[in-house]
Amino acid sequence: MPALFAHKPRMPKKPGTNPKGEFAFFNVVYEDGSQRSNRRVPAELLSGLDGDEPARGFIVEQDREIAEKAGRPPMKIKSISRVGAKKK
C-alpha cells in the first residue's frame, strides 16, 4: 500500500520565520533618538570570538547603502543590542 503523504507538497514558510537561526536580530538606537527594531544580521558573522561586534559593521554598511539610495547622509548609531538579550 503506498504512503498517503508521499506526494503531498511542502507547506510554504510563514513570513517572518527564522529557520535554523539563519539570522540574529538587533535593535538599533541612533544618536537622534530614533530606533529601528529587528534588524537582521546573518548568524555566520557572529560565530567568532568578537561576539556581536561584527553586527555593528554589517548594520553600518546597510545604513550607508540605504542612505545612499535615499539621497541623504547615514545616521550615526548610538547603540546596538541583540533582541532578547539580557541587559547588563
N, C-alpha and C. Protein backbone atom coordinates (compact mmCIF):
# COMPACT_ATOMS: atom_id res chain seq x y z
N MET A 1 0.84 -1.19 0.00
CA MET A 1 0.00 0.00 0.00
C MET A 1 0.89 1.25 0.00
N PRO A 2 0.68 2.18 -0.93
CA PRO A 2 1.53 3.37 -1.00
C PRO A 2 1.26 4.31 0.18
N ALA A 3 2.28 5.09 0.52
CA ALA A 3 2.14 6.06 1.61
C ALA A 3 1.18 7.17 1.20
N LEU A 4 0.36 7.60 2.13
CA LEU A 4 -0.64 8.62 1.84
C LEU A 4 -0.04 10.01 1.61
N PHE A 5 1.11 10.28 2.20
CA PHE A 5 1.68 11.62 2.15
C PHE A 5 2.91 11.71 1.24
N ALA A 6 3.14 10.70 0.46
CA ALA A 6 4.36 10.66 -0.35
C ALA A 6 4.42 11.79 -1.37
N HIS A 7 3.30 12.19 -1.94
CA HIS A 7 3.33 13.21 -2.99
C HIS A 7 2.72 14.54 -2.54
N LYS A 8 2.57 14.71 -1.25
CA LYS A 8 1.99 15.95 -0.73
C LYS A 8 3.05 17.05 -0.79
N PRO A 9 2.72 18.19 -1.40
CA PRO A 9 3.72 19.27 -1.48
C PRO A 9 3.98 19.86 -0.09
N ARG A 10 5.18 20.42 0.08
CA ARG A 10 5.55 21.02 1.36
C ARG A 10 4.79 22.32 1.57
N MET A 11 4.49 22.61 2.81
CA MET A 11 3.81 23.85 3.16
C MET A 11 4.80 25.01 3.03
N PRO A 12 4.36 26.15 2.53
CA PRO A 12 5.26 27.31 2.46
C PRO A 12 5.55 27.83 3.86
N LYS A 13 6.70 28.52 4.00
CA LYS A 13 7.06 29.10 5.30
C LYS A 13 6.19 30.30 5.60
N LYS A 14 5.95 30.51 6.87
CA LYS A 14 5.26 31.73 7.28
C LYS A 14 6.23 32.90 7.13
N PRO A 15 5.71 34.05 6.72
CA PRO A 15 6.59 35.23 6.65
C PRO A 15 7.13 35.56 8.03
N GLY A 16 8.38 35.96 8.08
CA GLY A 16 8.97 36.38 9.34
C GLY A 16 9.54 35.26 10.16
N THR A 17 9.53 34.03 9.66
CA THR A 17 10.11 32.93 10.43
C THR A 17 11.62 32.94 10.27
N ASN A 18 12.30 32.35 11.22
CA ASN A 18 13.75 32.32 11.23
C ASN A 18 14.22 30.87 11.34
N PRO A 19 14.18 30.11 10.24
CA PRO A 19 14.55 28.71 10.32
C PRO A 19 16.02 28.51 10.62
N LYS A 20 16.32 27.61 11.54
CA LYS A 20 17.68 27.18 11.85
C LYS A 20 18.59 28.32 12.28
N GLY A 21 18.06 29.41 12.77
CA GLY A 21 18.91 30.50 13.26
C GLY A 21 19.76 31.15 12.19
N GLU A 22 19.23 31.33 11.00
CA GLU A 22 19.99 31.93 9.91
C GLU A 22 20.35 33.39 10.20
N PHE A 23 19.52 34.06 10.98
CA PHE A 23 19.75 35.47 11.28
C PHE A 23 19.66 35.71 12.78
N ALA A 24 20.40 36.72 13.22
CA ALA A 24 20.25 37.26 14.57
C ALA A 24 19.58 38.62 14.40
N PHE A 25 18.76 39.00 15.35
CA PHE A 25 18.01 40.25 15.25
C PHE A 25 18.54 41.25 16.28
N PHE A 26 18.64 42.50 15.84
CA PHE A 26 19.20 43.56 16.69
C PHE A 26 18.29 44.78 16.67
N ASN A 27 18.23 45.46 17.82
CA ASN A 27 17.59 46.77 17.91
C ASN A 27 18.70 47.81 17.81
N VAL A 28 18.46 48.83 16.99
CA VAL A 28 19.47 49.86 16.76
C VAL A 28 18.90 51.20 17.21
N VAL A 29 19.65 51.92 18.07
CA VAL A 29 19.27 53.25 18.51
C VAL A 29 20.26 54.22 17.89
N TYR A 30 19.72 55.26 17.26
CA TYR A 30 20.56 56.26 16.59
C TYR A 30 20.76 57.47 17.49
N GLU A 31 21.75 58.30 17.18
CA GLU A 31 22.08 59.46 18.00
C GLU A 31 20.94 60.47 18.09
N ASP A 32 20.05 60.49 17.09
CA ASP A 32 18.92 61.42 17.15
C ASP A 32 17.77 60.88 18.02
N GLY A 33 17.96 59.69 18.62
CA GLY A 33 16.95 59.11 19.50
C GLY A 33 16.01 58.14 18.81
N SER A 34 16.05 58.05 17.48
CA SER A 34 15.16 57.12 16.78
C SER A 34 15.68 55.69 16.94
N GLN A 35 14.79 54.73 16.75
CA GLN A 35 15.14 53.33 16.91
C GLN A 35 14.59 52.50 15.76
N ARG A 36 15.34 51.51 15.33
CA ARG A 36 14.89 50.53 14.35
C ARG A 36 14.99 49.18 15.03
N SER A 37 13.91 48.43 15.01
CA SER A 37 13.88 47.15 15.69
C SER A 37 14.01 45.99 14.70
N ASN A 38 14.52 44.89 15.23
CA ASN A 38 14.61 43.63 14.50
C ASN A 38 15.40 43.72 13.20
N ARG A 39 16.52 44.41 13.24
CA ARG A 39 17.42 44.44 12.07
C ARG A 39 18.08 43.08 11.97
N ARG A 40 18.04 42.48 10.79
CA ARG A 40 18.57 41.13 10.59
C ARG A 40 20.04 41.17 10.22
N VAL A 41 20.81 40.30 10.90
CA VAL A 41 22.24 40.16 10.62
C VAL A 41 22.49 38.66 10.44
N PRO A 42 23.18 38.25 9.38
CA PRO A 42 23.46 36.83 9.18
C PRO A 42 24.19 36.24 10.39
N ALA A 43 23.70 35.12 10.88
CA ALA A 43 24.26 34.49 12.08
C ALA A 43 25.72 34.08 11.89
N GLU A 44 26.12 33.74 10.67
CA GLU A 44 27.50 33.29 10.47
C GLU A 44 28.52 34.40 10.73
N LEU A 45 28.10 35.67 10.68
CA LEU A 45 29.01 36.77 11.02
C LEU A 45 29.31 36.83 12.51
N LEU A 46 28.45 36.25 13.31
CA LEU A 46 28.53 36.40 14.76
C LEU A 46 29.10 35.18 15.47
N SER A 47 29.63 34.23 14.73
CA SER A 47 30.06 32.98 15.35
C SER A 47 31.48 33.02 15.91
N GLY A 48 32.20 34.09 15.72
CA GLY A 48 33.60 34.16 16.17
C GLY A 48 33.73 34.67 17.59
N LEU A 49 34.97 34.97 17.97
CA LEU A 49 35.27 35.44 19.32
C LEU A 49 34.87 36.89 19.55
N ASP A 50 34.54 37.60 18.47
CA ASP A 50 34.18 39.02 18.58
C ASP A 50 32.77 39.22 19.10
N GLY A 51 32.00 38.17 19.31
CA GLY A 51 30.63 38.29 19.81
C GLY A 51 29.74 39.01 18.82
N ASP A 52 29.03 40.04 19.30
CA ASP A 52 28.09 40.78 18.46
C ASP A 52 28.71 41.98 17.75
N GLU A 53 29.99 42.23 17.96
CA GLU A 53 30.63 43.41 17.36
C GLU A 53 30.57 43.43 15.83
N PRO A 54 30.70 42.29 15.13
CA PRO A 54 30.57 42.33 13.67
C PRO A 54 29.19 42.80 13.19
N ALA A 55 28.18 42.69 14.04
CA ALA A 55 26.83 43.15 13.67
C ALA A 55 26.84 44.66 13.43
N ARG A 56 27.60 45.40 14.22
CA ARG A 56 27.66 46.86 14.07
C ARG A 56 28.16 47.22 12.68
N GLY A 57 29.24 46.60 12.23
CA GLY A 57 29.78 46.89 10.91
C GLY A 57 28.80 46.54 9.80
N PHE A 58 28.10 45.41 9.96
CA PHE A 58 27.12 44.99 8.97
C PHE A 58 25.97 45.99 8.89
N ILE A 59 25.49 46.43 10.05
CA ILE A 59 24.36 47.38 10.09
C ILE A 59 24.80 48.75 9.58
N VAL A 60 26.00 49.17 9.91
CA VAL A 60 26.51 50.46 9.40
C VAL A 60 26.56 50.42 7.87
N GLU A 61 27.02 49.31 7.31
CA GLU A 61 27.08 49.18 5.86
C GLU A 61 25.68 49.19 5.24
N GLN A 62 24.73 48.50 5.87
CA GLN A 62 23.34 48.52 5.40
C GLN A 62 22.81 49.94 5.40
N ASP A 63 23.03 50.65 6.51
CA ASP A 63 22.54 52.03 6.63
C ASP A 63 23.15 52.93 5.56
N ARG A 64 24.45 52.72 5.28
CA ARG A 64 25.12 53.53 4.27
C ARG A 64 24.48 53.31 2.89
N GLU A 65 24.21 52.06 2.56
CA GLU A 65 23.58 51.76 1.27
C GLU A 65 22.17 52.32 1.18
N ILE A 66 21.40 52.21 2.25
CA ILE A 66 20.03 52.73 2.27
C ILE A 66 20.04 54.24 2.14
N ALA A 67 20.92 54.91 2.88
CA ALA A 67 21.01 56.37 2.83
C ALA A 67 21.44 56.85 1.45
N GLU A 68 22.37 56.11 0.84
CA GLU A 68 22.84 56.48 -0.50
C GLU A 68 21.69 56.42 -1.51
N LYS A 69 20.89 55.37 -1.43
CA LYS A 69 19.75 55.24 -2.34
C LYS A 69 18.70 56.31 -2.09
N ALA A 70 18.57 56.74 -0.82
CA ALA A 70 17.59 57.76 -0.47
C ALA A 70 18.12 59.18 -0.70
N GLY A 71 19.41 59.30 -0.97
CA GLY A 71 20.00 60.61 -1.22
C GLY A 71 20.16 61.45 0.04
N ARG A 72 20.44 60.80 1.15
CA ARG A 72 20.65 61.53 2.41
C ARG A 72 21.85 60.93 3.14
N PRO A 73 22.43 61.66 4.09
CA PRO A 73 23.57 61.09 4.83
C PRO A 73 23.10 60.01 5.80
N PRO A 74 23.93 59.00 6.07
CA PRO A 74 23.54 57.95 7.02
C PRO A 74 23.52 58.50 8.45
N MET A 75 22.62 57.96 9.26
CA MET A 75 22.54 58.38 10.66
C MET A 75 23.61 57.66 11.47
N LYS A 76 24.10 58.33 12.51
CA LYS A 76 25.11 57.73 13.37
C LYS A 76 24.43 56.85 14.42
N ILE A 77 25.01 55.68 14.64
CA ILE A 77 24.46 54.70 15.57
C ILE A 77 24.96 55.01 16.97
N LYS A 78 24.03 55.05 17.92
CA LYS A 78 24.37 55.25 19.32
C LYS A 78 24.61 53.91 20.01
N SER A 79 23.70 52.94 19.80
CA SER A 79 23.87 51.63 20.42
C SER A 79 23.16 50.55 19.62
N ILE A 80 23.66 49.33 19.79
CA ILE A 80 23.07 48.15 19.16
C ILE A 80 22.92 47.10 20.24
N SER A 81 21.75 46.47 20.31
CA SER A 81 21.54 45.40 21.28
C SER A 81 20.79 44.25 20.61
N ARG A 82 21.19 43.05 20.95
CA ARG A 82 20.56 41.86 20.37
C ARG A 82 19.15 41.72 20.95
N VAL A 83 18.20 41.42 20.10
CA VAL A 83 16.82 41.22 20.54
C VAL A 83 16.79 40.01 21.46
N GLY A 84 16.18 40.17 22.63
CA GLY A 84 16.04 39.07 23.57
C GLY A 84 17.22 38.89 24.50
N ALA A 85 18.31 39.65 24.32
CA ALA A 85 19.48 39.52 25.19
C ALA A 85 19.22 40.24 26.51
N LYS A 86 19.76 39.69 27.58
CA LYS A 86 19.61 40.33 28.90
C LYS A 86 20.52 41.55 28.96
N LYS A 87 20.01 42.61 29.58
CA LYS A 87 20.80 43.84 29.73
C LYS A 87 21.76 43.69 30.90
N LYS A 88 22.96 44.22 30.70
CA LYS A 88 24.00 44.12 31.75
C LYS A 88 23.91 45.28 32.69
